[in-house]
Amino acid sequence: MASQQIVFAGFGGQGILSMGKFLAYAGMDANLNVSWLPSYGPEMRGGTANCSVILTDEAIGSPIVTKADSIVVMNRPSLDKFEDMVAPGGVIVIDSDLVDRMPERTDVTVIAIPAQTIAQEIGSKTIANMVLLGALVKKTEIVTIEALLDSLKAHGKEKFFESNKKAIEKGLEYVK
């Protein structure tokens, strides 16, 4: 049975909701049942943002994630808020350039990636989210990398596809 409950979290403007949306589209294209639930503070850019994504081949009873299989965090407040929500054996992907502490949990897999640095090397810090998303998809295998790239091609802006693809490929390198 394929199933993942994932929370993406960080500051508004980091592409948190986009990460979730592209993964949800990839899940739909893979014939999974999908839920994408965005949440952001009134500040939007600079405020906190998060979204919950559920991908499963079973019926989804509620879009609310209370025990996440995985979280992707792009700032310290998000790690502080969501670390305890991850189920034992789950995955925490963090942007180590922006999160100044490592998760304290020992019963989860932590993937720390200097996503800002990598994204800047590719050409723009705005694609740091795609580096993290690539690592998450490779680790969880909830959809294929091909499905994720197809989702980006179909639902993203064409002018950003090549840099997003490079960012996703960089993220793959951080997964053992």
N, C-alpha and C. Protein backbone atom coordinates (compact mmCIF):
# COMPACT_ATOMS: atom_id res chain seq x y z
N MET A 1 0.84 -1.19 0.00
CA MET A 1 0.00 0.00 0.00
C MET A 1 0.88 1.26 0.00
N ALA A 2 0.66 2.11 -0.96
CA ALA A 2 1.41 3.37 -1.01
C ALA A 2 0.63 4.42 -0.22
N SER A 3 1.29 5.06 0.73
CA SER A 3 0.62 6.10 1.51
C SER A 3 1.66 6.99 2.19
N GLN A 4 1.44 8.29 2.13
CA GLN A 4 2.31 9.26 2.79
C GLN A 4 1.46 10.43 3.25
N GLN A 5 1.67 10.85 4.49
CA GLN A 5 1.10 12.09 5.00
C GLN A 5 2.28 13.01 5.27
N ILE A 6 2.30 14.15 4.58
CA ILE A 6 3.47 15.01 4.59
C ILE A 6 3.07 16.43 4.96
N VAL A 7 3.91 17.10 5.76
CA VAL A 7 3.71 18.51 6.05
C VAL A 7 4.93 19.26 5.50
N PHE A 8 4.65 20.30 4.71
CA PHE A 8 5.69 21.20 4.21
C PHE A 8 5.53 22.50 5.01
N ALA A 9 6.61 23.06 5.54
CA ALA A 9 6.46 24.26 6.36
C ALA A 9 7.67 25.18 6.25
N GLY A 10 7.40 26.48 6.39
CA GLY A 10 8.46 27.48 6.34
C GLY A 10 7.84 28.87 6.35
N PHE A 11 8.58 29.84 5.83
CA PHE A 11 8.07 31.20 5.72
C PHE A 11 7.29 31.35 4.42
N GLY A 12 6.33 32.24 4.40
CA GLY A 12 5.63 32.57 3.16
C GLY A 12 6.64 33.09 2.15
N GLY A 13 6.45 32.76 0.88
CA GLY A 13 7.36 33.23 -0.16
C GLY A 13 8.49 32.25 -0.47
N GLN A 14 8.59 31.14 0.30
CA GLN A 14 9.65 30.16 0.05
C GLN A 14 9.21 29.06 -0.91
N GLY A 15 7.96 29.10 -1.33
CA GLY A 15 7.47 28.05 -2.23
C GLY A 15 6.97 26.82 -1.48
N ILE A 16 6.57 27.02 -0.24
CA ILE A 16 6.07 25.91 0.59
C ILE A 16 4.82 25.30 -0.04
N LEU A 17 3.86 26.15 -0.39
CA LEU A 17 2.60 25.65 -0.96
C LEU A 17 2.83 25.04 -2.34
N SER A 18 3.76 25.60 -3.10
CA SER A 18 4.09 25.07 -4.43
C SER A 18 4.67 23.66 -4.33
N MET A 19 5.56 23.45 -3.36
CA MET A 19 6.14 22.11 -3.17
C MET A 19 5.02 21.09 -3.00
N GLY A 20 4.11 21.41 -2.12
CA GLY A 20 2.99 20.50 -1.85
C GLY A 20 2.12 20.30 -3.07
N LYS A 21 1.89 21.39 -3.79
CA LYS A 21 1.01 21.31 -4.96
C LYS A 21 1.61 20.44 -6.06
N PHE A 22 2.90 20.61 -6.34
CA PHE A 22 3.53 19.80 -7.39
C PHE A 22 3.55 18.33 -7.00
N LEU A 23 3.76 18.05 -5.71
CA LEU A 23 3.73 16.66 -5.27
C LEU A 23 2.30 16.09 -5.39
N ALA A 24 1.32 16.90 -5.04
CA ALA A 24 -0.08 16.46 -5.16
C ALA A 24 -0.44 16.16 -6.62
N TYR A 25 -0.03 17.03 -7.53
CA TYR A 25 -0.29 16.78 -8.95
C TYR A 25 0.38 15.48 -9.41
N ALA A 26 1.62 15.25 -8.95
CA ALA A 26 2.33 14.03 -9.33
C ALA A 26 1.58 12.81 -8.80
N GLY A 27 1.05 12.92 -7.59
CA GLY A 27 0.26 11.84 -7.02
C GLY A 27 -1.01 11.57 -7.80
N MET A 28 -1.68 12.65 -8.21
CA MET A 28 -2.90 12.49 -9.02
C MET A 28 -2.56 11.79 -10.33
N ASP A 29 -1.48 12.22 -10.97
CA ASP A 29 -1.08 11.62 -12.24
C ASP A 29 -0.68 10.15 -12.07
N ALA A 30 -0.29 9.77 -10.84
CA ALA A 30 0.08 8.38 -10.55
C ALA A 30 -1.14 7.59 -10.06
N ASN A 31 -2.33 8.19 -10.22
CA ASN A 31 -3.60 7.56 -9.83
C ASN A 31 -3.73 7.29 -8.34
N LEU A 32 -3.10 8.12 -7.52
CA LEU A 32 -3.27 8.03 -6.07
C LEU A 32 -4.40 8.97 -5.67
N ASN A 33 -5.01 8.72 -4.52
CA ASN A 33 -5.95 9.67 -3.95
C ASN A 33 -5.11 10.75 -3.28
N VAL A 34 -5.53 12.00 -3.43
CA VAL A 34 -4.69 13.13 -3.03
C VAL A 34 -5.48 14.16 -2.25
N SER A 35 -4.82 14.72 -1.25
CA SER A 35 -5.37 15.88 -0.54
C SER A 35 -4.24 16.89 -0.41
N TRP A 36 -4.55 18.16 -0.66
CA TRP A 36 -3.58 19.26 -0.50
C TRP A 36 -4.28 20.35 0.28
N LEU A 37 -3.79 20.62 1.48
CA LEU A 37 -4.46 21.60 2.35
C LEU A 37 -3.47 22.70 2.74
N PRO A 38 -3.61 23.88 2.12
CA PRO A 38 -2.69 24.98 2.45
C PRO A 38 -3.11 25.70 3.73
N SER A 39 -2.12 26.30 4.39
CA SER A 39 -2.39 27.09 5.59
C SER A 39 -1.33 28.17 5.68
N TYR A 40 -1.74 29.42 5.78
CA TYR A 40 -0.73 30.47 5.94
C TYR A 40 -1.30 31.59 6.78
N GLY A 41 -0.37 32.26 7.47
CA GLY A 41 -0.75 33.38 8.32
C GLY A 41 -1.15 34.56 7.46
N PRO A 42 -1.76 35.59 8.08
CA PRO A 42 -2.22 36.76 7.32
C PRO A 42 -1.08 37.54 6.67
N GLU A 43 0.16 37.30 7.14
CA GLU A 43 1.29 38.05 6.60
C GLU A 43 1.68 37.60 5.20
N MET A 44 1.35 36.35 4.84
CA MET A 44 1.80 35.74 3.58
C MET A 44 3.32 35.82 3.50
N ARG A 45 3.86 36.67 2.63
CA ARG A 45 5.32 36.71 2.49
C ARG A 45 5.97 37.08 3.81
N GLY A 46 6.83 36.21 4.30
CA GLY A 46 7.50 36.48 5.57
C GLY A 46 6.79 35.84 6.75
N GLY A 47 5.49 35.64 6.65
CA GLY A 47 4.76 34.95 7.72
C GLY A 47 4.98 33.46 7.57
N THR A 48 4.41 32.68 8.47
CA THR A 48 4.61 31.24 8.35
C THR A 48 3.59 30.67 7.37
N ALA A 49 4.01 29.65 6.68
CA ALA A 49 3.14 28.95 5.73
C ALA A 49 3.38 27.47 5.89
N ASN A 50 2.33 26.69 5.74
CA ASN A 50 2.52 25.25 5.69
C ASN A 50 1.41 24.64 4.87
N CYS A 51 1.62 23.44 4.41
CA CYS A 51 0.56 22.71 3.75
C CYS A 51 0.71 21.24 4.06
N SER A 52 -0.42 20.58 4.10
CA SER A 52 -0.46 19.14 4.34
C SER A 52 -0.81 18.46 3.04
N VAL A 53 -0.08 17.42 2.71
CA VAL A 53 -0.36 16.64 1.51
C VAL A 53 -0.52 15.18 1.93
N ILE A 54 -1.60 14.58 1.46
CA ILE A 54 -1.81 13.15 1.69
C ILE A 54 -1.86 12.48 0.33
N LEU A 55 -1.06 11.45 0.15
CA LEU A 55 -1.05 10.65 -1.07
C LEU A 55 -1.27 9.20 -0.65
N THR A 56 -2.30 8.56 -1.17
CA THR A 56 -2.60 7.19 -0.76
C THR A 56 -3.43 6.47 -1.81
N ASP A 57 -3.37 5.15 -1.80
CA ASP A 57 -4.24 4.41 -2.71
C ASP A 57 -5.53 4.00 -1.99
N GLU A 58 -5.71 4.49 -0.76
CA GLU A 58 -6.95 4.25 -0.02
C GLU A 58 -7.78 5.53 0.01
N ALA A 59 -8.99 5.45 0.56
CA ALA A 59 -9.83 6.64 0.70
C ALA A 59 -9.21 7.57 1.75
N ILE A 60 -9.34 8.87 1.54
CA ILE A 60 -8.83 9.86 2.50
C ILE A 60 -10.01 10.34 3.33
N GLY A 61 -9.95 10.07 4.62
CA GLY A 61 -11.06 10.45 5.50
C GLY A 61 -11.06 11.92 5.86
N SER A 62 -9.87 12.51 5.99
CA SER A 62 -9.75 13.91 6.38
C SER A 62 -8.45 14.47 5.80
N PRO A 63 -8.48 15.73 5.36
CA PRO A 63 -7.25 16.34 4.83
C PRO A 63 -6.29 16.80 5.93
N ILE A 64 -6.73 16.70 7.19
CA ILE A 64 -5.90 17.15 8.31
C ILE A 64 -4.87 16.07 8.64
N VAL A 65 -3.60 16.47 8.71
CA VAL A 65 -2.53 15.54 9.08
C VAL A 65 -2.23 15.75 10.56
N THR A 66 -2.41 14.69 11.36
CA THR A 66 -2.08 14.78 12.79
C THR A 66 -0.81 14.01 13.12
N LYS A 67 -0.53 12.96 12.37
CA LYS A 67 0.73 12.21 12.49
C LYS A 67 1.33 12.14 11.10
N ALA A 68 2.39 12.90 10.87
CA ALA A 68 3.01 12.95 9.55
C ALA A 68 4.00 11.81 9.37
N ASP A 69 4.05 11.26 8.15
CA ASP A 69 5.08 10.30 7.80
C ASP A 69 6.38 11.05 7.51
N SER A 70 6.24 12.26 6.98
CA SER A 70 7.39 13.08 6.59
C SER A 70 7.06 14.55 6.79
N ILE A 71 8.09 15.34 7.09
CA ILE A 71 7.95 16.79 7.07
C ILE A 71 9.14 17.38 6.32
N VAL A 72 8.89 18.50 5.67
CA VAL A 72 9.95 19.27 5.01
C VAL A 72 9.89 20.66 5.64
N VAL A 73 10.97 21.08 6.28
CA VAL A 73 10.94 22.38 6.96
C VAL A 73 12.04 23.30 6.44
N MET A 74 11.64 24.56 6.25
CA MET A 74 12.55 25.56 5.69
C MET A 74 12.84 26.69 6.67
N ASN A 75 12.45 26.54 7.94
CA ASN A 75 12.85 27.51 8.95
C ASN A 75 12.77 26.88 10.34
N ARG A 76 13.43 27.50 11.30
CA ARG A 76 13.51 26.97 12.66
C ARG A 76 12.13 26.88 13.33
N PRO A 77 11.28 27.93 13.22
CA PRO A 77 9.97 27.81 13.88
C PRO A 77 9.16 26.61 13.38
N SER A 78 9.32 26.26 12.12
CA SER A 78 8.59 25.11 11.57
C SER A 78 9.11 23.80 12.15
N LEU A 79 10.42 23.70 12.32
CA LEU A 79 10.98 22.49 12.94
C LEU A 79 10.48 22.39 14.38
N ASP A 80 10.52 23.51 15.10
CA ASP A 80 10.05 23.52 16.49
C ASP A 80 8.59 23.09 16.57
N LYS A 81 7.78 23.53 15.63
CA LYS A 81 6.34 23.25 15.66
C LYS A 81 5.99 21.83 15.22
N PHE A 82 6.66 21.32 14.19
CA PHE A 82 6.21 20.06 13.57
C PHE A 82 7.07 18.83 13.89
N GLU A 83 8.23 19.00 14.51
CA GLU A 83 9.11 17.85 14.77
C GLU A 83 8.40 16.72 15.51
N ASP A 84 7.64 17.06 16.54
CA ASP A 84 6.97 16.03 17.34
C ASP A 84 5.80 15.37 16.62
N MET A 85 5.37 15.94 15.50
CA MET A 85 4.24 15.39 14.75
C MET A 85 4.64 14.19 13.88
N VAL A 86 5.94 14.05 13.63
CA VAL A 86 6.40 12.97 12.75
C VAL A 86 6.30 11.62 13.47
N ALA A 87 5.71 10.66 12.79
CA ALA A 87 5.58 9.31 13.34
C ALA A 87 6.96 8.67 13.46
N PRO A 88 7.16 7.82 14.47
CA PRO A 88 8.44 7.10 14.57
C PRO A 88 8.72 6.38 13.25
N GLY A 89 9.98 6.44 12.81
CA GLY A 89 10.34 5.83 11.54
C GLY A 89 10.14 6.77 10.36
N GLY A 90 9.64 7.96 10.63
CA GLY A 90 9.35 8.95 9.59
C GLY A 90 10.61 9.67 9.11
N VAL A 91 10.38 10.68 8.27
CA VAL A 91 11.47 11.41 7.63
C VAL A 91 11.32 12.91 7.89
N ILE A 92 12.43 13.55 8.25
CA ILE A 92 12.46 15.01 8.39
C ILE A 92 13.51 15.53 7.42
N VAL A 93 13.07 16.35 6.47
CA VAL A 93 13.99 16.98 5.51
C VAL A 93 14.09 18.44 5.91
N ILE A 94 15.32 18.92 6.16
CA ILE A 94 15.48 20.32 6.56
C ILE A 94 16.46 21.06 5.65
N ASP A 95 16.18 22.36 5.52
CA ASP A 95 17.12 23.26 4.84
C ASP A 95 18.12 23.70 5.90
N SER A 96 19.30 23.07 5.90
CA SER A 96 20.29 23.34 6.95
C SER A 96 20.89 24.74 6.86
N ASP A 97 20.66 25.43 5.75
CA ASP A 97 21.10 26.82 5.66
C ASP A 97 20.22 27.75 6.50
N LEU A 98 18.96 27.36 6.70
CA LEU A 98 18.00 28.23 7.39
C LEU A 98 17.56 27.71 8.76
N VAL A 99 17.74 26.43 9.01
CA VAL A 99 17.34 25.85 10.29
C VAL A 99 18.60 25.68 11.12
N ASP A 100 18.70 26.40 12.24
CA ASP A 100 19.96 26.46 12.99
C ASP A 100 20.08 25.39 14.08
N ARG A 101 19.27 24.36 14.00
CA ARG A 101 19.44 23.24 14.91
C ARG A 101 19.02 21.95 14.19
N MET A 102 19.57 20.84 14.64
CA MET A 102 19.16 19.56 14.08
C MET A 102 17.99 19.02 14.90
N PRO A 103 17.15 18.20 14.28
CA PRO A 103 16.06 17.60 15.05
C PRO A 103 16.63 16.78 16.21
N GLU A 104 15.90 16.79 17.34
CA GLU A 104 16.35 16.07 18.53
C GLU A 104 15.94 14.61 18.51
N ARG A 105 15.00 14.26 17.63
CA ARG A 105 14.48 12.90 17.58
C ARG A 105 15.54 11.93 17.08
N THR A 106 15.55 10.72 17.66
CA THR A 106 16.48 9.68 17.21
C THR A 106 15.74 8.55 16.50
N ASP A 107 14.41 8.63 16.46
CA ASP A 107 13.59 7.56 15.86
C ASP A 107 13.08 7.92 14.47
N VAL A 108 13.72 8.93 13.85
CA VAL A 108 13.34 9.35 12.50
C VAL A 108 14.61 9.48 11.66
N THR A 109 14.44 9.49 10.34
CA THR A 109 15.55 9.74 9.43
C THR A 109 15.60 11.24 9.16
N VAL A 110 16.76 11.84 9.37
CA VAL A 110 16.92 13.28 9.11
C VAL A 110 17.79 13.46 7.87
N ILE A 111 17.29 14.27 6.94
CA ILE A 111 18.07 14.61 5.74
C ILE A 111 18.27 16.13 5.78
N ALA A 112 19.48 16.54 6.09
CA ALA A 112 19.81 17.96 6.18
C ALA A 112 20.54 18.38 4.91
N ILE A 113 19.99 19.38 4.24
CA ILE A 113 20.52 19.81 2.95
C ILE A 113 20.72 21.33 2.95
N PRO A 114 21.90 21.82 2.56
CA PRO A 114 22.10 23.27 2.45
C PRO A 114 21.42 23.78 1.17
N ALA A 115 20.10 23.78 1.20
CA ALA A 115 19.32 24.04 -0.02
C ALA A 115 19.49 25.45 -0.57
N GLN A 116 19.64 26.44 0.30
CA GLN A 116 19.84 27.81 -0.18
C GLN A 116 21.13 27.91 -0.98
N THR A 117 22.20 27.33 -0.45
CA THR A 117 23.51 27.36 -1.11
C THR A 117 23.43 26.67 -2.47
N ILE A 118 22.83 25.48 -2.49
CA ILE A 118 22.71 24.72 -3.74
C ILE A 118 21.89 25.50 -4.77
N ALA A 119 20.77 26.05 -4.32
CA ALA A 119 19.89 26.79 -5.23
C ALA A 119 20.61 28.01 -5.80
N GLN A 120 21.38 28.70 -4.95
CA GLN A 120 22.14 29.87 -5.40
C GLN A 120 23.17 29.47 -6.46
N GLU A 121 23.79 28.30 -6.27
CA GLU A 121 24.78 27.82 -7.24
C GLU A 121 24.12 27.51 -8.58
N ILE A 122 22.87 27.03 -8.54
CA ILE A 122 22.15 26.73 -9.78
C ILE A 122 21.72 28.04 -10.44
N GLY A 123 21.43 29.06 -9.62
CA GLY A 123 21.09 30.34 -10.22
C GLY A 123 20.07 31.17 -9.48
N SER A 124 19.35 30.58 -8.50
CA SER A 124 18.34 31.37 -7.78
C SER A 124 17.93 30.68 -6.48
N LYS A 125 17.94 31.45 -5.39
CA LYS A 125 17.53 30.89 -4.09
C LYS A 125 16.06 30.46 -4.10
N THR A 126 15.29 30.96 -5.05
CA THR A 126 13.86 30.63 -5.07
C THR A 126 13.59 29.16 -5.39
N ILE A 127 14.61 28.41 -5.82
CA ILE A 127 14.38 26.99 -6.12
C ILE A 127 14.91 26.07 -5.02
N ALA A 128 15.25 26.63 -3.87
CA ALA A 128 15.70 25.81 -2.74
C ALA A 128 14.63 24.77 -2.37
N ASN A 129 13.37 25.16 -2.49
CA ASN A 129 12.28 24.23 -2.18
C ASN A 129 12.33 22.98 -3.05
N MET A 130 12.74 23.13 -4.29
CA MET A 130 12.78 21.98 -5.21
C MET A 130 13.92 21.02 -4.86
N VAL A 131 15.01 21.54 -4.29
CA VAL A 131 16.09 20.68 -3.83
C VAL A 131 15.56 19.76 -2.74
N LEU A 132 14.82 20.34 -1.80
CA LEU A 132 14.26 19.57 -0.68
C LEU A 132 13.19 18.59 -1.17
N LEU A 133 12.38 19.02 -2.11
CA LEU A 133 11.33 18.16 -2.65
C LEU A 133 11.93 16.94 -3.35
N GLY A 134 13.00 17.15 -4.09
CA GLY A 134 13.67 16.04 -4.77
C GLY A 134 14.14 14.99 -3.77
N ALA A 135 14.74 15.46 -2.67
CA ALA A 135 15.22 14.54 -1.63
C ALA A 135 14.05 13.77 -1.00
N LEU A 136 12.97 14.47 -0.71
CA LEU A 136 11.80 13.83 -0.10
C LEU A 136 11.23 12.73 -1.00
N VAL A 137 11.05 13.04 -2.27
CA VAL A 137 10.46 12.07 -3.20
C VAL A 137 11.38 10.86 -3.37
N LYS A 138 12.68 11.09 -3.45
CA LYS A 138 13.61 9.97 -3.58
C LYS A 138 13.56 9.08 -2.32
N LYS A 139 13.53 9.70 -1.14
CA LYS A 139 13.56 8.93 0.11
C LYS A 139 12.26 8.15 0.31
N THR A 140 11.10 8.80 0.07
CA THR A 140 9.82 8.15 0.37
C THR A 140 9.34 7.26 -0.77
N GLU A 141 9.80 7.57 -2.00
CA GLU A 141 9.36 6.84 -3.20
C GLU A 141 7.84 6.81 -3.35
N ILE A 142 7.15 7.84 -2.83
CA ILE A 142 5.69 7.88 -2.93
C ILE A 142 5.24 8.08 -4.38
N VAL A 143 6.04 8.82 -5.15
CA VAL A 143 5.86 8.90 -6.60
C VAL A 143 7.26 8.78 -7.19
N THR A 144 7.35 8.55 -8.49
CA THR A 144 8.66 8.48 -9.12
C THR A 144 9.18 9.90 -9.37
N ILE A 145 10.47 10.02 -9.52
CA ILE A 145 11.07 11.31 -9.87
C ILE A 145 10.52 11.75 -11.24
N GLU A 146 10.33 10.78 -12.15
CA GLU A 146 9.76 11.10 -13.47
C GLU A 146 8.37 11.72 -13.32
N ALA A 147 7.55 11.14 -12.43
CA ALA A 147 6.20 11.68 -12.21
C ALA A 147 6.27 13.10 -11.66
N LEU A 148 7.23 13.34 -10.76
CA LEU A 148 7.39 14.68 -10.20
C LEU A 148 7.79 15.68 -11.29
N LEU A 149 8.75 15.28 -12.13
CA LEU A 149 9.19 16.17 -13.21
C LEU A 149 8.06 16.41 -14.22
N ASP A 150 7.28 15.36 -14.51
CA ASP A 150 6.13 15.52 -15.41
C ASP A 150 5.13 16.52 -14.83
N SER A 151 4.93 16.44 -13.52
CA SER A 151 4.02 17.34 -12.82
C SER A 151 4.51 18.79 -12.93
N LEU A 152 5.80 18.99 -12.77
CA LEU A 152 6.38 20.33 -12.90
C LEU A 152 6.21 20.87 -14.31
N LYS A 153 6.43 19.97 -15.27
CA LYS A 153 6.33 20.37 -16.68
C LYS A 153 4.88 20.76 -17.02
N ALA A 154 3.93 19.96 -16.53
CA ALA A 154 2.52 20.17 -16.86
C ALA A 154 1.89 21.33 -16.08
N HIS A 155 2.32 21.54 -14.84
CA HIS A 155 1.62 22.49 -13.97
C HIS A 155 2.46 23.69 -13.55
N GLY A 156 3.75 23.68 -13.87
CA GLY A 156 4.62 24.79 -13.50
C GLY A 156 4.84 25.72 -14.69
N LYS A 157 5.60 26.77 -14.44
CA LYS A 157 5.92 27.69 -15.53
C LYS A 157 7.09 27.12 -16.33
N GLU A 158 6.91 27.09 -17.64
CA GLU A 158 7.91 26.48 -18.52
C GLU A 158 9.29 27.10 -18.35
N LYS A 159 9.34 28.41 -18.16
CA LYS A 159 10.64 29.08 -18.07
C LYS A 159 11.45 28.67 -16.84
N PHE A 160 10.78 28.07 -15.83
CA PHE A 160 11.48 27.63 -14.63
C PHE A 160 11.78 26.14 -14.63
N PHE A 161 11.29 25.41 -15.65
CA PHE A 161 11.39 23.95 -15.61
C PHE A 161 12.83 23.45 -15.49
N GLU A 162 13.72 23.96 -16.34
CA GLU A 162 15.09 23.45 -16.34
C GLU A 162 15.80 23.69 -15.01
N SER A 163 15.64 24.88 -14.43
CA SER A 163 16.30 25.14 -13.14
C SER A 163 15.65 24.32 -12.03
N ASN A 164 14.33 24.15 -12.07
CA ASN A 164 13.66 23.29 -11.08
C ASN A 164 14.15 21.85 -11.18
N LYS A 165 14.31 21.38 -12.43
CA LYS A 165 14.78 20.01 -12.66
C LYS A 165 16.18 19.82 -12.08
N LYS A 166 17.06 20.81 -12.33
CA LYS A 166 18.42 20.75 -11.78
C LYS A 166 18.38 20.71 -10.25
N ALA A 167 17.51 21.52 -9.66
CA ALA A 167 17.39 21.57 -8.21
C ALA A 167 16.92 20.23 -7.65
N ILE A 168 15.92 19.64 -8.28
CA ILE A 168 15.42 18.33 -7.85
C ILE A 168 16.54 17.29 -7.94
N GLU A 169 17.28 17.30 -9.03
CA GLU A 169 18.37 16.34 -9.22
C GLU A 169 19.45 16.51 -8.14
N LYS A 170 19.72 17.75 -7.74
CA LYS A 170 20.70 18.01 -6.66
C LYS A 170 20.20 17.41 -5.35
N GLY A 171 18.89 17.53 -5.10
CA GLY A 171 18.31 16.99 -3.88
C GLY A 171 18.45 15.48 -3.79
N LEU A 172 18.40 14.81 -4.94
CA LEU A 172 18.54 13.35 -4.98
C LEU A 172 19.88 12.90 -4.40
N GLU A 173 20.90 13.72 -4.61
CA GLU A 173 22.25 13.36 -4.19
C GLU A 173 22.40 13.27 -2.68
N TYR A 174 21.47 13.86 -1.93
CA TYR A 174 21.56 13.87 -0.47
C TYR A 174 20.86 12.68 0.17
N VAL A 175 20.27 11.81 -0.64
CA VAL A 175 19.57 10.65 -0.10
C VAL A 175 20.42 9.41 -0.31
N LYS A 176 20.73 8.75 0.79
CA LYS A 176 21.57 7.54 0.73
C LYS A 176 20.72 6.37 0.28
